[in-house]
Amino acid sequence: MSPRLLLASASPRRRELLALLGVRYTVAVSRFAEETLSHLTDPVEYVRRAAEGKAEEVVRRRPGCLALGVDTDVVAPDGTILGKPKDAADAHRLLRLLSGRTHSVYSGVALFQSGPDGVVLRREVRVEETRVTFGDLPDAAIAAYVATGEPMDKAGAYGIQGGAMTFVTRIEGDLSNVIGLPLWTVGEMLTAFGVPLWGPPDHSLEKPADV
């Protein structure tokens, strides 16, 4: 029997993507404090540590389960990690920074499995990179996109699954990674941990749980 899978994320986009793999899971939002990683400047190290922290916090709190932790960050061409915009002006600034250039999106993916005593028995962590190129964006296009409100809750001030799809001229790597969950990587990792894929999903399990 495969271990119970917990998704350590409240992101509706990650829930939708994970459902595409046909796995049974429950949402268990992690209480990991990402601000403890604010000193890190290397994006690969940051997403790795954040994903580990999210998965480990949940799996220790819920012994005998398998926790999936994910962290996705948009990184500017100069290597700066781009967070969510503070306001509309900041969203415009971030999109202008990405206009006509290639940037990277990194996701850290961590799977932690614990025994009945909460001790971590097994873990695997991977980092995926996707490179995204935007065309030269007219100020009017940026302003119109910002006015939709879509950029305001997204790292880098854009959602590739939404209106920003029209900005993209080239993608190198996994598109689902840019949305927030690299599906091929996650599928490989879940299979290695004995979680069956492609079965009929039980949507009743996808509600958030305070675990």
N, C-alpha and C. Protein backbone atom coordinates (compact mmCIF):
# COMPACT_ATOMS: atom_id res chain seq x y z
N MET A 1 0.85 -1.19 0.00
CA MET A 1 0.00 0.00 0.00
C MET A 1 0.89 1.25 0.00
N SER A 2 0.60 2.19 -0.89
CA SER A 2 1.41 3.40 -0.98
C SER A 2 1.10 4.33 0.18
N PRO A 3 2.10 5.13 0.60
CA PRO A 3 1.87 6.06 1.71
C PRO A 3 0.90 7.16 1.32
N ARG A 4 0.22 7.72 2.31
CA ARG A 4 -0.70 8.82 2.07
C ARG A 4 0.08 10.06 1.64
N LEU A 5 -0.33 10.67 0.54
CA LEU A 5 0.38 11.83 -0.01
C LEU A 5 -0.27 13.12 0.47
N LEU A 6 0.56 14.02 0.99
CA LEU A 6 0.12 15.34 1.41
C LEU A 6 0.81 16.39 0.54
N LEU A 7 0.03 17.29 -0.03
CA LEU A 7 0.58 18.41 -0.80
C LEU A 7 0.74 19.59 0.14
N ALA A 8 2.00 19.97 0.38
CA ALA A 8 2.31 21.03 1.36
C ALA A 8 2.22 22.40 0.71
N SER A 9 1.06 22.71 0.14
CA SER A 9 0.89 23.98 -0.57
C SER A 9 -0.59 24.33 -0.64
N ALA A 10 -0.87 25.63 -0.54
CA ALA A 10 -2.24 26.12 -0.68
C ALA A 10 -2.53 26.59 -2.10
N SER A 11 -1.55 26.51 -2.99
CA SER A 11 -1.68 27.04 -4.35
C SER A 11 -2.74 26.27 -5.15
N PRO A 12 -3.76 26.97 -5.63
CA PRO A 12 -4.75 26.28 -6.47
C PRO A 12 -4.15 25.79 -7.78
N ARG A 13 -3.13 26.47 -8.28
CA ARG A 13 -2.50 26.03 -9.52
C ARG A 13 -1.77 24.71 -9.32
N ARG A 14 -1.11 24.56 -8.19
CA ARG A 14 -0.43 23.28 -7.93
C ARG A 14 -1.44 22.15 -7.72
N ARG A 15 -2.56 22.44 -7.10
CA ARG A 15 -3.59 21.43 -6.93
C ARG A 15 -4.11 20.96 -8.28
N GLU A 16 -4.35 21.89 -9.18
CA GLU A 16 -4.84 21.54 -10.51
C GLU A 16 -3.82 20.71 -11.28
N LEU A 17 -2.56 21.09 -11.18
CA LEU A 17 -1.52 20.35 -11.90
C LEU A 17 -1.33 18.95 -11.32
N LEU A 18 -1.29 18.84 -10.00
CA LEU A 18 -1.10 17.53 -9.39
C LEU A 18 -2.24 16.59 -9.75
N ALA A 19 -3.45 17.12 -9.86
CA ALA A 19 -4.60 16.29 -10.23
C ALA A 19 -4.43 15.68 -11.62
N LEU A 20 -3.66 16.34 -12.49
CA LEU A 20 -3.44 15.81 -13.84
C LEU A 20 -2.68 14.49 -13.81
N LEU A 21 -1.92 14.25 -12.74
CA LEU A 21 -1.19 12.99 -12.62
C LEU A 21 -2.08 11.86 -12.12
N GLY A 22 -3.32 12.18 -11.75
CA GLY A 22 -4.24 11.14 -11.31
C GLY A 22 -3.86 10.51 -10.00
N VAL A 23 -3.31 11.29 -9.07
CA VAL A 23 -2.91 10.75 -7.77
C VAL A 23 -3.91 11.17 -6.69
N ARG A 24 -3.99 10.38 -5.65
CA ARG A 24 -4.83 10.68 -4.50
C ARG A 24 -3.98 11.46 -3.50
N TYR A 25 -4.49 12.60 -3.06
CA TYR A 25 -3.72 13.42 -2.13
C TYR A 25 -4.64 14.28 -1.29
N THR A 26 -4.07 14.81 -0.22
CA THR A 26 -4.76 15.78 0.63
C THR A 26 -3.89 17.02 0.73
N VAL A 27 -4.50 18.19 0.75
CA VAL A 27 -3.77 19.43 0.93
C VAL A 27 -3.49 19.64 2.41
N ALA A 28 -2.23 19.83 2.74
CA ALA A 28 -1.82 20.13 4.12
C ALA A 28 -0.84 21.29 4.05
N VAL A 29 -1.33 22.49 4.22
CA VAL A 29 -0.50 23.69 4.04
C VAL A 29 0.64 23.71 5.05
N SER A 30 1.84 23.91 4.54
CA SER A 30 3.01 23.94 5.42
C SER A 30 3.08 25.22 6.23
N ARG A 31 3.58 25.10 7.44
CA ARG A 31 3.79 26.26 8.31
C ARG A 31 5.25 26.70 8.33
N PHE A 32 6.03 26.19 7.39
CA PHE A 32 7.45 26.55 7.32
C PHE A 32 7.61 28.05 7.09
N ALA A 33 8.50 28.66 7.85
CA ALA A 33 8.73 30.11 7.77
C ALA A 33 9.80 30.40 6.72
N GLU A 34 9.37 30.81 5.53
CA GLU A 34 10.32 31.08 4.46
C GLU A 34 11.23 32.26 4.75
N GLU A 35 10.81 33.14 5.66
CA GLU A 35 11.66 34.29 5.97
C GLU A 35 12.99 33.87 6.58
N THR A 36 13.08 32.64 7.08
CA THR A 36 14.35 32.15 7.62
C THR A 36 15.39 31.94 6.52
N LEU A 37 14.95 32.00 5.27
CA LEU A 37 15.86 31.81 4.13
C LEU A 37 16.18 33.13 3.42
N SER A 38 15.76 34.24 4.01
CA SER A 38 15.90 35.53 3.33
C SER A 38 17.36 35.92 3.07
N HIS A 39 18.28 35.29 3.77
CA HIS A 39 19.70 35.61 3.58
C HIS A 39 20.28 34.94 2.34
N LEU A 40 19.56 33.98 1.76
CA LEU A 40 20.08 33.24 0.60
C LEU A 40 19.90 34.06 -0.68
N THR A 41 20.94 34.12 -1.49
CA THR A 41 20.87 34.86 -2.75
C THR A 41 20.96 33.95 -3.98
N ASP A 42 21.39 32.71 -3.78
CA ASP A 42 21.46 31.76 -4.89
C ASP A 42 20.07 31.16 -5.09
N PRO A 43 19.44 31.38 -6.25
CA PRO A 43 18.07 30.90 -6.44
C PRO A 43 17.92 29.39 -6.36
N VAL A 44 18.92 28.65 -6.83
CA VAL A 44 18.84 27.19 -6.77
C VAL A 44 18.83 26.72 -5.32
N GLU A 45 19.71 27.29 -4.52
CA GLU A 45 19.76 26.93 -3.10
C GLU A 45 18.47 27.36 -2.40
N TYR A 46 17.95 28.51 -2.77
CA TYR A 46 16.74 29.00 -2.11
C TYR A 46 15.55 28.08 -2.35
N VAL A 47 15.28 27.74 -3.62
CA VAL A 47 14.10 26.91 -3.89
C VAL A 47 14.28 25.50 -3.32
N ARG A 48 15.52 25.02 -3.32
CA ARG A 48 15.78 23.70 -2.73
C ARG A 48 15.48 23.71 -1.23
N ARG A 49 16.02 24.69 -0.54
CA ARG A 49 15.83 24.76 0.92
C ARG A 49 14.38 25.02 1.28
N ALA A 50 13.71 25.87 0.50
CA ALA A 50 12.31 26.16 0.79
C ALA A 50 11.43 24.93 0.59
N ALA A 51 11.66 24.20 -0.48
CA ALA A 51 10.89 22.97 -0.73
C ALA A 51 11.14 21.95 0.37
N GLU A 52 12.40 21.79 0.76
CA GLU A 52 12.73 20.87 1.85
C GLU A 52 12.02 21.28 3.14
N GLY A 53 12.07 22.57 3.45
CA GLY A 53 11.46 23.05 4.68
C GLY A 53 9.97 22.81 4.72
N LYS A 54 9.30 23.06 3.60
CA LYS A 54 7.86 22.85 3.54
C LYS A 54 7.50 21.38 3.73
N ALA A 55 8.20 20.51 3.01
CA ALA A 55 7.89 19.08 3.10
C ALA A 55 8.21 18.52 4.48
N GLU A 56 9.36 18.89 5.02
CA GLU A 56 9.76 18.33 6.31
C GLU A 56 8.84 18.80 7.44
N GLU A 57 8.41 20.06 7.41
CA GLU A 57 7.52 20.55 8.45
C GLU A 57 6.21 19.77 8.48
N VAL A 58 5.67 19.48 7.30
CA VAL A 58 4.40 18.76 7.24
C VAL A 58 4.57 17.30 7.63
N VAL A 59 5.61 16.65 7.12
CA VAL A 59 5.75 15.22 7.35
C VAL A 59 6.08 14.91 8.81
N ARG A 60 6.75 15.83 9.50
CA ARG A 60 7.01 15.62 10.93
C ARG A 60 5.76 15.87 11.75
N ARG A 61 4.92 16.76 11.29
CA ARG A 61 3.68 17.05 11.99
C ARG A 61 2.63 15.97 11.75
N ARG A 62 2.77 15.25 10.66
CA ARG A 62 1.82 14.20 10.31
C ARG A 62 2.60 12.91 10.05
N PRO A 63 2.98 12.18 11.11
CA PRO A 63 3.81 10.99 10.96
C PRO A 63 3.17 9.93 10.05
N GLY A 64 4.04 9.18 9.40
CA GLY A 64 3.57 8.07 8.58
C GLY A 64 3.05 8.48 7.22
N CYS A 65 3.37 9.68 6.78
CA CYS A 65 2.87 10.18 5.50
C CYS A 65 4.02 10.55 4.57
N LEU A 66 3.65 10.90 3.36
CA LEU A 66 4.58 11.37 2.34
C LEU A 66 4.19 12.80 1.99
N ALA A 67 5.10 13.74 2.17
CA ALA A 67 4.80 15.15 1.94
C ALA A 67 5.54 15.66 0.71
N LEU A 68 4.81 16.38 -0.14
CA LEU A 68 5.37 17.00 -1.33
C LEU A 68 5.44 18.51 -1.11
N GLY A 69 6.67 19.02 -1.05
CA GLY A 69 6.90 20.45 -0.89
C GLY A 69 7.48 21.03 -2.17
N VAL A 70 6.98 22.19 -2.56
CA VAL A 70 7.43 22.83 -3.81
C VAL A 70 7.61 24.32 -3.58
N ASP A 71 8.66 24.87 -4.18
CA ASP A 71 8.84 26.32 -4.17
C ASP A 71 9.30 26.74 -5.55
N THR A 72 8.65 27.75 -6.11
CA THR A 72 8.96 28.24 -7.45
C THR A 72 9.31 29.71 -7.40
N ASP A 73 10.41 30.07 -8.05
CA ASP A 73 10.83 31.47 -8.09
C ASP A 73 11.19 31.89 -9.51
N VAL A 74 10.88 33.13 -9.82
CA VAL A 74 11.27 33.74 -11.09
C VAL A 74 12.56 34.51 -10.84
N VAL A 75 13.53 34.33 -11.72
CA VAL A 75 14.85 34.94 -11.54
C VAL A 75 15.17 35.83 -12.74
N ALA A 76 15.48 37.08 -12.46
CA ALA A 76 15.79 38.06 -13.51
C ALA A 76 17.07 37.68 -14.24
N PRO A 77 17.29 38.24 -15.43
CA PRO A 77 18.51 37.94 -16.17
C PRO A 77 19.79 38.20 -15.39
N ASP A 78 19.75 39.13 -14.43
CA ASP A 78 20.96 39.41 -13.64
C ASP A 78 21.09 38.51 -12.43
N GLY A 79 20.18 37.53 -12.26
CA GLY A 79 20.26 36.59 -11.17
C GLY A 79 19.47 36.97 -9.94
N THR A 80 18.80 38.10 -9.96
CA THR A 80 18.00 38.55 -8.82
C THR A 80 16.70 37.76 -8.73
N ILE A 81 16.38 37.26 -7.54
CA ILE A 81 15.12 36.57 -7.33
C ILE A 81 14.00 37.60 -7.28
N LEU A 82 13.00 37.42 -8.12
CA LEU A 82 11.89 38.37 -8.19
C LEU A 82 10.70 37.86 -7.39
N GLY A 83 10.27 38.64 -6.44
CA GLY A 83 9.11 38.26 -5.65
C GLY A 83 7.82 38.75 -6.28
N LYS A 84 6.77 38.76 -5.49
CA LYS A 84 5.49 39.29 -5.96
C LYS A 84 5.53 40.82 -5.91
N PRO A 85 4.88 41.48 -6.84
CA PRO A 85 4.92 42.95 -6.86
C PRO A 85 4.20 43.55 -5.65
N LYS A 86 4.74 44.67 -5.17
CA LYS A 86 4.15 45.35 -4.02
C LYS A 86 2.89 46.11 -4.41
N ASP A 87 2.89 46.63 -5.64
CA ASP A 87 1.75 47.41 -6.13
C ASP A 87 1.81 47.42 -7.65
N ALA A 88 0.90 48.16 -8.27
CA ALA A 88 0.83 48.19 -9.73
C ALA A 88 2.11 48.75 -10.35
N ALA A 89 2.67 49.78 -9.73
CA ALA A 89 3.90 50.37 -10.25
C ALA A 89 5.05 49.37 -10.21
N ASP A 90 5.10 48.58 -9.15
CA ASP A 90 6.15 47.58 -9.03
C ASP A 90 5.95 46.47 -10.05
N ALA A 91 4.70 46.08 -10.30
CA ALA A 91 4.41 45.08 -11.32
C ALA A 91 4.88 45.56 -12.69
N HIS A 92 4.63 46.83 -12.98
CA HIS A 92 5.07 47.41 -14.25
C HIS A 92 6.60 47.37 -14.34
N ARG A 93 7.27 47.69 -13.24
CA ARG A 93 8.74 47.68 -13.22
C ARG A 93 9.28 46.28 -13.49
N LEU A 94 8.69 45.27 -12.85
CA LEU A 94 9.17 43.90 -13.02
C LEU A 94 8.98 43.42 -14.46
N LEU A 95 7.84 43.72 -15.04
CA LEU A 95 7.59 43.29 -16.42
C LEU A 95 8.49 44.03 -17.41
N ARG A 96 8.78 45.28 -17.13
CA ARG A 96 9.72 46.02 -17.97
C ARG A 96 11.11 45.39 -17.88
N LEU A 97 11.47 44.91 -16.70
CA LEU A 97 12.76 44.25 -16.49
C LEU A 97 12.88 42.97 -17.32
N LEU A 98 11.76 42.26 -17.49
CA LEU A 98 11.76 40.99 -18.22
C LEU A 98 11.55 41.17 -19.72
N SER A 99 11.08 42.33 -20.13
CA SER A 99 10.74 42.59 -21.53
C SER A 99 11.95 42.43 -22.45
N GLY A 100 11.77 41.65 -23.53
CA GLY A 100 12.80 41.49 -24.53
C GLY A 100 14.00 40.69 -24.07
N ARG A 101 13.87 39.97 -22.97
CA ARG A 101 15.01 39.24 -22.40
C ARG A 101 14.60 37.83 -22.00
N THR A 102 15.61 37.02 -21.72
CA THR A 102 15.38 35.65 -21.26
C THR A 102 15.65 35.56 -19.77
N HIS A 103 14.71 34.99 -19.04
CA HIS A 103 14.89 34.80 -17.60
C HIS A 103 14.66 33.33 -17.25
N SER A 104 14.95 32.98 -16.03
CA SER A 104 14.80 31.59 -15.58
C SER A 104 13.72 31.47 -14.52
N VAL A 105 13.06 30.33 -14.53
CA VAL A 105 12.12 29.97 -13.47
C VAL A 105 12.62 28.67 -12.86
N TYR A 106 12.85 28.69 -11.55
CA TYR A 106 13.34 27.52 -10.83
C TYR A 106 12.26 27.00 -9.89
N SER A 107 12.12 25.68 -9.85
CA SER A 107 11.26 25.04 -8.85
C SER A 107 12.07 24.01 -8.09
N GLY A 108 12.01 24.11 -6.76
CA GLY A 108 12.52 23.05 -5.91
C GLY A 108 11.38 22.11 -5.59
N VAL A 109 11.62 20.81 -5.70
CA VAL A 109 10.61 19.80 -5.41
C VAL A 109 11.19 18.83 -4.39
N ALA A 110 10.49 18.66 -3.27
CA ALA A 110 10.98 17.78 -2.20
C ALA A 110 9.90 16.78 -1.82
N LEU A 111 10.30 15.52 -1.70
CA LEU A 111 9.43 14.47 -1.17
C LEU A 111 10.06 13.92 0.10
N PHE A 112 9.33 13.99 1.19
CA PHE A 112 9.80 13.48 2.48
C PHE A 112 8.80 12.44 2.98
N GLN A 113 9.31 11.31 3.42
CA GLN A 113 8.46 10.26 3.99
C GLN A 113 8.89 9.99 5.42
N SER A 114 7.92 9.97 6.33
CA SER A 114 8.25 9.72 7.74
C SER A 114 7.60 8.44 8.23
N GLY A 115 8.18 7.89 9.29
CA GLY A 115 7.62 6.71 9.92
C GLY A 115 6.58 7.11 10.94
N PRO A 116 6.02 6.14 11.65
CA PRO A 116 4.96 6.42 12.63
C PRO A 116 5.41 7.31 13.78
N ASP A 117 6.72 7.40 14.01
CA ASP A 117 7.24 8.25 15.08
C ASP A 117 7.62 9.64 14.58
N GLY A 118 7.38 9.92 13.31
CA GLY A 118 7.69 11.23 12.75
C GLY A 118 9.11 11.39 12.26
N VAL A 119 9.93 10.37 12.42
CA VAL A 119 11.31 10.43 11.94
C VAL A 119 11.31 10.28 10.41
N VAL A 120 12.07 11.14 9.74
CA VAL A 120 12.15 11.09 8.29
C VAL A 120 12.94 9.85 7.87
N LEU A 121 12.29 8.99 7.09
CA LEU A 121 12.90 7.74 6.65
C LEU A 121 13.55 7.86 5.28
N ARG A 122 12.98 8.73 4.46
CA ARG A 122 13.44 8.82 3.08
C ARG A 122 13.12 10.21 2.55
N ARG A 123 13.98 10.69 1.69
CA ARG A 123 13.78 12.01 1.10
C ARG A 123 14.42 12.07 -0.28
N GLU A 124 13.86 12.90 -1.12
CA GLU A 124 14.47 13.20 -2.42
C GLU A 124 14.14 14.65 -2.75
N VAL A 125 15.13 15.35 -3.27
CA VAL A 125 14.96 16.76 -3.62
C VAL A 125 15.56 17.00 -5.01
N ARG A 126 14.81 17.69 -5.83
CA ARG A 126 15.30 18.06 -7.16
C ARG A 126 15.00 19.53 -7.42
N VAL A 127 15.77 20.10 -8.34
CA VAL A 127 15.53 21.48 -8.78
C VAL A 127 15.43 21.47 -10.30
N GLU A 128 14.37 22.08 -10.81
CA GLU A 128 14.15 22.17 -12.25
C GLU A 128 14.24 23.63 -12.69
N GLU A 129 14.81 23.84 -13.87
CA GLU A 129 14.91 25.19 -14.44
C GLU A 129 14.22 25.23 -15.80
N THR A 130 13.44 26.26 -16.03
CA THR A 130 12.87 26.54 -17.35
C THR A 130 13.26 27.96 -17.73
N ARG A 131 13.70 28.14 -18.96
CA ARG A 131 14.09 29.46 -19.44
C ARG A 131 12.98 30.02 -20.32
N VAL A 132 12.59 31.24 -20.01
CA VAL A 132 11.46 31.89 -20.69
C VAL A 132 11.94 33.20 -21.32
N THR A 133 11.60 33.40 -22.58
CA THR A 133 11.95 34.63 -23.28
C THR A 133 10.69 35.42 -23.60
N PHE A 134 10.69 36.68 -23.20
CA PHE A 134 9.60 37.60 -23.54
C PHE A 134 9.98 38.43 -24.76
N GLY A 135 8.98 38.78 -25.56
CA GLY A 135 9.20 39.74 -26.63
C GLY A 135 9.33 41.14 -26.06
N ASP A 136 9.61 42.10 -26.93
CA ASP A 136 9.69 43.50 -26.49
C ASP A 136 8.27 44.00 -26.22
N LEU A 137 7.97 44.26 -24.96
CA LEU A 137 6.61 44.58 -24.56
C LEU A 137 6.36 46.09 -24.63
N PRO A 138 5.37 46.53 -25.38
CA PRO A 138 5.01 47.95 -25.37
C PRO A 138 4.48 48.34 -24.00
N ASP A 139 4.72 49.56 -23.60
CA ASP A 139 4.22 50.03 -22.30
C ASP A 139 2.71 49.87 -22.19
N ALA A 140 2.01 50.06 -23.31
CA ALA A 140 0.55 49.93 -23.29
C ALA A 140 0.13 48.50 -22.96
N ALA A 141 0.88 47.52 -23.48
CA ALA A 141 0.57 46.12 -23.20
C ALA A 141 0.82 45.80 -21.73
N ILE A 142 1.92 46.31 -21.19
CA ILE A 142 2.22 46.09 -19.77
C ILE A 142 1.14 46.72 -18.91
N ALA A 143 0.78 47.96 -19.22
CA ALA A 143 -0.23 48.67 -18.43
C ALA A 143 -1.57 47.95 -18.47
N ALA A 144 -1.95 47.45 -19.64
CA ALA A 144 -3.22 46.75 -19.77
C ALA A 144 -3.21 45.45 -18.97
N TYR A 145 -2.08 44.74 -19.00
CA TYR A 145 -1.98 43.49 -18.26
C TYR A 145 -2.01 43.75 -16.76
N VAL A 146 -1.27 44.74 -16.30
CA VAL A 146 -1.26 45.08 -14.88
C VAL A 146 -2.66 45.47 -14.42
N ALA A 147 -3.40 46.16 -15.26
CA ALA A 147 -4.75 46.61 -14.91
C ALA A 147 -5.72 45.45 -14.69
N THR A 148 -5.40 44.27 -15.24
CA THR A 148 -6.27 43.11 -15.01
C THR A 148 -6.16 42.59 -13.59
N GLY A 149 -5.09 42.96 -12.89
CA GLY A 149 -4.86 42.48 -11.53
C GLY A 149 -4.18 41.13 -11.48
N GLU A 150 -4.04 40.47 -12.61
CA GLU A 150 -3.45 39.12 -12.62
C GLU A 150 -2.03 39.06 -12.08
N PRO A 151 -1.18 40.08 -12.33
CA PRO A 151 0.20 39.97 -11.87
C PRO A 151 0.39 40.08 -10.36
N MET A 152 -0.60 40.57 -9.64
CA MET A 152 -0.36 41.03 -8.28
C MET A 152 -0.04 39.92 -7.27
N ASP A 153 -0.46 38.69 -7.52
CA ASP A 153 -0.18 37.61 -6.56
C ASP A 153 0.81 36.60 -7.12
N LYS A 154 1.61 37.04 -8.11
CA LYS A 154 2.50 36.10 -8.78
C LYS A 154 3.94 36.60 -8.78
N ALA A 155 4.85 35.68 -8.50
CA ALA A 155 6.27 36.02 -8.55
C ALA A 155 6.64 36.45 -9.96
N GLY A 156 7.40 37.53 -10.05
CA GLY A 156 7.78 38.04 -11.35
C GLY A 156 6.69 38.84 -12.02
N ALA A 157 5.55 38.96 -11.38
CA ALA A 157 4.42 39.77 -11.87
C ALA A 157 3.77 39.22 -13.14
N TYR A 158 3.81 37.89 -13.30
CA TYR A 158 3.09 37.34 -14.45
C TYR A 158 2.67 35.90 -14.20
N GLY A 159 1.59 35.49 -14.88
CA GLY A 159 1.14 34.11 -14.88
C GLY A 159 1.14 33.61 -16.30
N ILE A 160 2.00 32.64 -16.59
CA ILE A 160 2.15 32.20 -17.98
C ILE A 160 0.91 31.47 -18.48
N GLN A 161 0.09 30.98 -17.54
CA GLN A 161 -1.14 30.29 -17.93
C GLN A 161 -2.27 31.27 -18.21
N GLY A 162 -2.00 32.57 -18.02
CA GLY A 162 -3.01 33.60 -18.24
C GLY A 162 -2.63 34.52 -19.36
N GLY A 163 -2.89 35.81 -19.16
CA GLY A 163 -2.64 36.79 -20.20
C GLY A 163 -1.19 36.92 -20.61
N ALA A 164 -0.26 36.61 -19.71
CA ALA A 164 1.16 36.74 -20.02
C ALA A 164 1.63 35.71 -21.04
N MET A 165 0.80 34.72 -21.34
CA MET A 165 1.16 33.77 -22.39
C MET A 165 1.42 34.49 -23.71
N THR A 166 0.76 35.62 -23.90
CA THR A 166 0.93 36.38 -25.15
C THR A 166 2.27 37.11 -25.21
N PHE A 167 2.99 37.17 -24.09
CA PHE A 167 4.28 37.85 -24.05
C PHE A 167 5.43 36.94 -24.48
N VAL A 168 5.21 35.63 -24.46
CA VAL A 168 6.29 34.65 -24.57
C VAL A 168 6.64 34.36 -26.03
N THR A 169 7.93 34.45 -26.35
CA THR A 169 8.40 34.09 -27.68
C THR A 169 9.13 32.75 -27.70
N ARG A 170 9.60 32.30 -26.53
CA ARG A 170 10.35 31.04 -26.49
C ARG A 170 10.34 30.48 -25.07
N ILE A 171 10.21 29.15 -24.98
CA ILE A 171 10.33 28.45 -23.70
C ILE A 171 11.29 27.29 -23.88
N GLU A 172 12.25 27.19 -23.00
CA GLU A 172 13.19 26.06 -23.00
C GLU A 172 13.01 25.31 -21.69
N GLY A 173 12.37 24.14 -21.77
CA GLY A 173 12.13 23.36 -20.56
C GLY A 173 10.65 23.09 -20.37
N ASP A 174 10.31 22.72 -19.15
CA ASP A 174 8.97 22.27 -18.79
C ASP A 174 8.04 23.46 -18.53
N LEU A 175 6.98 23.58 -19.32
CA LEU A 175 6.01 24.65 -19.12
C LEU A 175 5.34 24.56 -17.76
N SER A 176 5.02 23.35 -17.32
CA SER A 176 4.34 23.19 -16.02
C SER A 176 5.20 23.68 -14.87
N ASN A 177 6.51 23.68 -15.06
CA ASN A 177 7.42 24.21 -14.05
C ASN A 177 7.18 25.70 -13.84
N VAL A 178 6.91 26.42 -14.93
CA VAL A 178 6.67 27.86 -14.84
C VAL A 178 5.35 28.14 -14.11
N ILE A 179 4.38 27.26 -14.30
CA ILE A 179 3.09 27.42 -13.62
C ILE A 179 3.21 27.10 -12.14
N GLY A 180 4.17 26.24 -11.77
CA GLY A 180 4.39 26.00 -10.35
C GLY A 180 4.60 24.57 -9.92
N LEU A 181 4.56 23.60 -10.86
CA LEU A 181 4.76 22.20 -10.48
C LEU A 181 5.28 21.44 -11.69
N PRO A 182 6.58 21.12 -11.74
CA PRO A 182 7.14 20.40 -12.89
C PRO A 182 6.63 18.96 -12.92
N LEU A 183 5.66 18.69 -13.78
CA LEU A 183 4.91 17.44 -13.70
C LEU A 183 5.74 16.20 -14.00
N TRP A 184 6.62 16.26 -14.98
CA TRP A 184 7.40 15.06 -15.30
C TRP A 184 8.31 14.70 -14.12
N THR A 185 8.95 15.68 -13.56
CA THR A 185 9.82 15.44 -12.41
C THR A 185 9.04 14.90 -11.22
N VAL A 186 7.90 15.53 -10.92
CA VAL A 186 7.08 15.08 -9.80
C VAL A 186 6.59 13.65 -10.04
N GLY A 187 6.18 13.35 -11.27
CA GLY A 187 5.72 12.00 -11.58
C GLY A 187 6.81 10.96 -11.36
N GLU A 188 8.03 11.27 -11.79
CA GLU A 188 9.15 10.35 -11.58
C GLU A 188 9.40 10.12 -10.09
N MET A 189 9.37 11.19 -9.33
CA MET A 189 9.64 11.09 -7.90
C MET A 189 8.55 10.30 -7.18
N LEU A 190 7.30 10.58 -7.50
CA LEU A 190 6.20 9.85 -6.86
C LEU A 190 6.26 8.36 -7.19
N THR A 191 6.56 8.04 -8.43
CA THR A 191 6.68 6.64 -8.83
C THR A 191 7.77 5.94 -8.03
N ALA A 192 8.90 6.62 -7.83
CA ALA A 192 10.00 6.03 -7.06
C ALA A 192 9.61 5.78 -5.61
N PHE A 193 8.65 6.55 -5.10
CA PHE A 193 8.18 6.38 -3.73
C PHE A 193 6.97 5.45 -3.64
N GLY A 194 6.61 4.84 -4.74
CA GLY A 194 5.52 3.87 -4.73
C GLY A 194 4.13 4.43 -4.85
N VAL A 195 4.01 5.69 -5.29
CA VAL A 195 2.69 6.31 -5.46
C VAL A 195 2.21 6.05 -6.89
N PRO A 196 1.08 5.38 -7.06
CA PRO A 196 0.58 5.09 -8.41
C PRO A 196 0.06 6.34 -9.11
N LEU A 197 0.36 6.44 -10.40
CA LEU A 197 -0.11 7.56 -11.21
C LEU A 197 -1.22 7.10 -12.15
N TRP A 198 -1.89 8.11 -12.70
CA TRP A 198 -2.87 7.91 -13.78
C TRP A 198 -4.12 7.17 -13.35
N GLY A 199 -4.35 7.02 -12.06
CA GLY A 199 -5.59 6.43 -11.59
C GLY A 199 -6.68 7.47 -11.53
N PRO A 200 -7.93 7.05 -11.31
CA PRO A 200 -9.02 8.04 -11.17
C PRO A 200 -8.83 8.84 -9.89
N PRO A 201 -8.68 10.16 -9.97
CA PRO A 201 -8.45 10.96 -8.76
C PRO A 201 -9.68 11.01 -7.88
N ASP A 202 -9.44 11.06 -6.57
CA ASP A 202 -10.52 11.21 -5.60
C ASP A 202 -10.55 12.68 -5.19
N HIS A 203 -11.42 13.47 -5.83
CA HIS A 203 -11.42 14.91 -5.61
C HIS A 203 -11.85 15.28 -4.19
N SER A 204 -12.45 14.35 -3.48
CA SER A 204 -12.85 14.65 -2.10
C SER A 204 -11.66 14.83 -1.20
N LEU A 205 -10.50 14.34 -1.63
CA LEU A 205 -9.29 14.44 -0.82
C LEU A 205 -8.54 15.74 -1.06
N GLU A 206 -8.98 16.55 -2.02
CA GLU A 206 -8.20 17.71 -2.41
C GLU A 206 -8.52 18.96 -1.62
N LYS A 207 -9.34 18.84 -0.59
CA LYS A 207 -9.65 20.00 0.24
C LYS A 207 -8.54 20.22 1.25
N PRO A 208 -8.27 21.47 1.63
CA PRO A 208 -7.23 21.74 2.62
C PRO A 208 -7.54 21.07 3.94
N ALA A 209 -6.49 20.62 4.61
CA ALA A 209 -6.66 19.98 5.90
C ALA A 209 -5.71 20.61 6.90
N ASP A 210 -6.18 20.88 8.11
CA ASP A 210 -5.33 21.42 9.16
C ASP A 210 -4.68 20.25 9.86
N VAL A 211 -3.55 19.79 9.29
CA VAL A 211 -2.90 18.59 9.82
C VAL A 211 -1.51 18.94 10.32
